Amino acid sequence: MRKWLLILLVVVSCPVFAQFHVGVKAGANVTKVEGKSFTDQFRSGYALGGFAEIKLSKKLYLQPELLFNEYNTRLDTSYNNLLGNVFNGRTSVKLDYLSVPILLNYRIGGGGFISLQAGPQYGVLIDKGNSLWQNTGNAFKKGDFSLLGGVQIKAGAIRLNGRYFIGLTDINDLTNDSKWLNQGFQLSLGLTFF
């Protein structure tokens, strides 16, 4: 009986595993915070994490991810007038997020090598740069909700992603008179294990 149960389990699970992939990815973020007190220039950071691909149909895949994202931005010269000395004279700001994007991939063309991606992302701020200066702890909200859109190229086990994201959540936790929104680009390289 055990032998038949094992054979049944293998036969049933093979198609499931063929429809499911897990992998790791790494890449670069080019981000800024849009709003008063911040410069209008993008700065580089990085992204590391893992992802899964779950087949929903011939053309649709669900791609949940868990990423560590570093976003960098710069303050402009007017921040002291608006915020006081909250940043202790520093002009660079580093924000580290644990992010969970959930993307819907739509494969285009006959080969399915190129997918359009779109979906939401929720990020939890895990480091506000307090190692650089202590007073920024209350400057940024702990959560950030964003929308993502981009393209993925699939070549065997390799995944190349290019995305744009825009924050929908005001991350300003100091004042109510100006909104701060994360936005940027992400380019990453991923590798699936199975």
Protein backbone atom coordinates (compact mmCIF):
# COMPACT_ATOMS: atom_id res chain seq x y z
CA MET A 1 0.00 0.00 0.00
CA ARG A 2 2.82 2.43 0.86
CA LYS A 3 4.46 1.73 -2.48
CA TRP A 4 1.29 2.68 -4.38
CA LEU A 5 0.80 5.76 -2.25
CA LEU A 6 4.36 6.88 -3.01
CA ILE A 7 3.90 6.26 -6.75
CA LEU A 8 0.62 8.22 -6.71
CA LEU A 9 2.29 11.10 -4.85
CA VAL A 10 5.14 11.25 -7.39
CA VAL A 11 2.77 11.13 -10.38
CA VAL A 12 0.52 13.86 -8.97
CA SER A 13 3.35 16.13 -7.85
CA CYS A 14 5.39 16.05 -11.08
CA PRO A 15 3.01 18.30 -13.02
CA VAL A 16 2.79 20.62 -10.01
CA PHE A 17 6.57 21.02 -9.82
CA ALA A 18 6.72 21.59 -13.58
CA GLN A 19 4.42 24.59 -13.04
CA PHE A 20 6.37 26.04 -10.12
CA HIS A 21 9.87 27.57 -10.02
CA VAL A 22 11.90 29.06 -7.17
CA GLY A 23 14.99 31.22 -7.52
CA VAL A 24 17.27 33.95 -6.22
CA LYS A 25 17.96 37.37 -7.66
CA ALA A 26 20.26 40.36 -7.23
CA GLY A 27 20.30 43.73 -8.86
CA ALA A 28 20.59 47.49 -8.74
CA ASN A 29 18.04 50.08 -7.62
CA VAL A 30 18.11 53.64 -8.94
CA THR A 31 15.77 55.60 -6.64
CA LYS A 32 14.77 58.94 -5.24
CA VAL A 33 12.24 60.35 -2.80
CA GLU A 34 9.88 62.76 -4.53
CA GLY A 35 8.82 65.72 -2.37
CA LYS A 36 9.90 68.91 -0.61
CA SER A 37 13.39 68.76 0.92
CA PHE A 38 14.72 66.16 -1.56
CA THR A 39 16.74 66.68 -4.73
CA ASP A 40 15.28 65.62 -8.03
CA GLN A 41 18.05 63.16 -8.81
CA PHE A 42 18.21 59.38 -8.74
CA ARG A 43 20.80 57.54 -6.64
CA SER A 44 21.94 53.93 -6.77
CA GLY A 45 21.33 51.13 -4.26
CA TYR A 46 20.90 47.37 -4.46
CA ALA A 47 18.32 44.58 -4.23
CA LEU A 48 18.79 40.98 -3.04
CA GLY A 49 16.26 38.24 -2.51
CA GLY A 50 14.25 35.34 -3.82
CA PHE A 51 11.22 34.72 -6.00
CA ALA A 52 8.77 32.05 -7.09
CA GLU A 53 6.93 31.59 -10.37
CA ILE A 54 3.53 29.91 -10.26
CA LYS A 55 1.85 29.04 -13.55
CA LEU A 56 -1.80 30.13 -13.68
CA SER A 57 -2.40 29.51 -17.39
CA LYS A 58 -0.41 29.21 -20.61
CA LYS A 59 0.37 32.95 -20.61
CA LEU A 60 -0.17 34.06 -17.00
CA TYR A 61 2.21 33.50 -14.09
CA LEU A 62 2.12 34.78 -10.53
CA GLN A 63 5.52 35.91 -9.24
CA PRO A 64 5.74 36.63 -5.50
CA GLU A 65 9.12 37.86 -4.26
CA LEU A 66 10.89 38.67 -1.01
CA LEU A 67 13.57 41.34 -1.47
CA PHE A 68 15.95 43.40 0.60
CA ASN A 69 15.98 46.81 -1.13
CA GLU A 70 18.35 49.68 -0.42
CA TYR A 71 17.02 53.07 -1.56
CA ASN A 72 19.25 56.13 -1.52
CA THR A 73 18.33 59.78 -1.95
CA ARG A 74 19.72 63.26 -1.25
CA LEU A 75 18.30 66.22 0.63
CA ASP A 76 18.27 69.59 -1.08
CA THR A 77 19.56 72.79 0.51
CA SER A 78 16.15 73.90 1.78
CA TYR A 79 15.56 70.96 4.13
CA ASN A 80 16.84 72.82 7.22
CA ASN A 81 14.26 75.59 6.67
CA LEU A 82 11.44 73.05 6.37
CA LEU A 83 12.53 70.34 8.81
CA GLY A 84 15.01 71.94 11.16
CA ASN A 85 18.16 70.00 11.99
CA VAL A 86 16.47 66.59 11.98
CA PHE A 87 19.21 65.10 9.79
CA ASN A 88 22.15 66.61 11.75
CA GLY A 89 23.67 68.29 8.71
CA ARG A 90 23.73 65.14 6.57
CA THR A 91 22.52 65.36 2.98
CA SER A 92 22.40 61.64 2.07
CA VAL A 93 19.57 59.39 3.20
CA LYS A 94 19.64 55.58 3.04
CA LEU A 95 16.42 53.60 3.51
CA ASP A 96 16.48 49.79 3.72
CA TYR A 97 13.21 47.99 3.03
CA LEU A 98 12.12 44.37 3.27
CA SER A 99 9.84 44.33 0.22
CA VAL A 100 7.19 41.88 -0.95
CA PRO A 101 6.22 42.43 -4.60
CA ILE A 102 3.43 40.25 -6.01
CA LEU A 103 3.57 40.45 -9.78
CA LEU A 104 1.37 39.11 -12.52
CA ASN A 105 3.47 38.06 -15.52
CA TYR A 106 1.89 37.99 -18.97
CA ARG A 107 4.04 36.13 -21.48
CA ILE A 108 3.94 37.66 -24.94
CA GLY A 109 4.83 36.03 -28.24
CA GLY A 110 4.91 32.38 -29.18
CA GLY A 111 8.10 31.45 -27.31
CA GLY A 112 7.13 33.02 -24.00
CA PHE A 113 10.61 34.43 -23.48
CA ILE A 114 9.35 37.94 -22.75
CA SER A 115 6.82 38.78 -20.05
CA LEU A 116 5.15 42.02 -19.10
CA GLN A 117 4.95 42.42 -15.31
CA ALA A 118 2.66 44.47 -13.09
CA GLY A 119 1.56 44.37 -9.48
CA PRO A 120 1.73 45.82 -5.98
CA GLN A 121 4.67 45.89 -3.59
CA TYR A 122 4.61 46.39 0.15
CA GLY A 123 7.82 47.37 1.93
CA VAL A 124 8.65 47.48 5.63
CA LEU A 125 11.36 49.98 6.59
CA ILE A 126 13.94 48.01 8.57
CA ASP A 127 16.80 50.51 8.74
CA LYS A 128 16.48 54.28 8.68
CA GLY A 129 20.19 54.98 8.62
CA ASN A 130 20.34 55.47 12.37
CA SER A 131 23.91 54.24 12.35
CA LEU A 132 24.81 57.44 10.48
CA TRP A 133 22.72 59.82 12.56
CA GLN A 134 20.36 59.18 15.44
CA ASN A 135 17.59 61.71 14.86
CA THR A 136 16.16 60.31 11.62
CA GLY A 137 14.27 57.57 13.43
CA ASN A 138 10.98 59.42 13.34
CA ALA A 139 11.36 61.03 9.91
CA PHE A 140 10.03 58.12 7.82
CA LYS A 141 6.98 55.91 8.15
CA LYS A 142 7.60 52.22 8.63
CA GLY A 143 5.55 51.03 5.63
CA ASP A 144 5.50 51.83 1.92
CA PHE A 145 2.97 50.63 -0.68
CA SER A 146 4.03 50.86 -4.34
CA LEU A 147 2.96 49.81 -7.81
CA LEU A 148 5.42 48.08 -10.15
CA GLY A 149 5.54 47.64 -13.89
CA GLY A 150 8.19 46.17 -16.12
CA VAL A 151 9.54 43.49 -18.42
CA GLN A 152 11.16 40.12 -17.75
CA ILE A 153 13.28 38.15 -20.21
CA LYS A 154 13.53 34.41 -19.62
CA ALA A 155 16.43 32.34 -20.97
CA GLY A 156 16.29 28.85 -19.48
CA ALA A 157 16.91 29.23 -15.74
CA ILE A 158 18.02 32.87 -16.07
CA ARG A 159 15.63 35.81 -15.53
CA LEU A 160 16.51 39.40 -16.46
CA ASN A 161 14.12 42.04 -15.05
CA GLY A 162 13.72 45.74 -15.70
CA ARG A 163 11.06 47.56 -13.64
CA TYR A 164 9.76 50.93 -12.63
CA PHE A 165 8.03 51.47 -9.30
CA ILE A 166 6.15 54.40 -7.85
CA GLY A 167 5.18 54.79 -4.21
CA LEU A 168 1.56 55.43 -3.33
CA THR A 169 2.16 55.90 0.41
CA ASP A 170 3.34 59.19 1.91
CA ILE A 171 6.45 58.11 3.86
CA ASN A 172 6.82 61.53 5.58
CA ASP A 173 6.37 60.96 9.32
CA LEU A 174 7.44 64.49 10.35
CA THR A 175 4.99 66.95 8.82
CA ASN A 176 1.62 66.93 7.09
CA ASP A 177 2.39 69.75 4.66
CA SER A 178 4.39 67.76 2.08
CA LYS A 179 4.25 64.24 0.69
CA TRP A 180 7.35 62.09 0.27
CA LEU A 181 7.02 59.27 -2.24
CA ASN A 182 9.58 56.61 -3.18
CA GLN A 183 10.12 55.97 -6.86
CA GLY A 184 12.72 54.41 -9.05
CA PHE A 185 13.98 51.73 -11.39
CA GLN A 186 15.25 48.24 -10.69
CA LEU A 187 17.40 46.04 -12.92
CA SER A 188 18.04 42.51 -11.67
CA LEU A 189 19.35 39.11 -12.69
CA GLY A 190 17.69 35.98 -11.32
CA LEU A 191 18.40 32.25 -11.42
CA THR A 192 15.81 29.52 -10.86
CA PHE A 193 16.71 26.31 -9.02
CA PHE A 194 13.85 24.12 -10.20
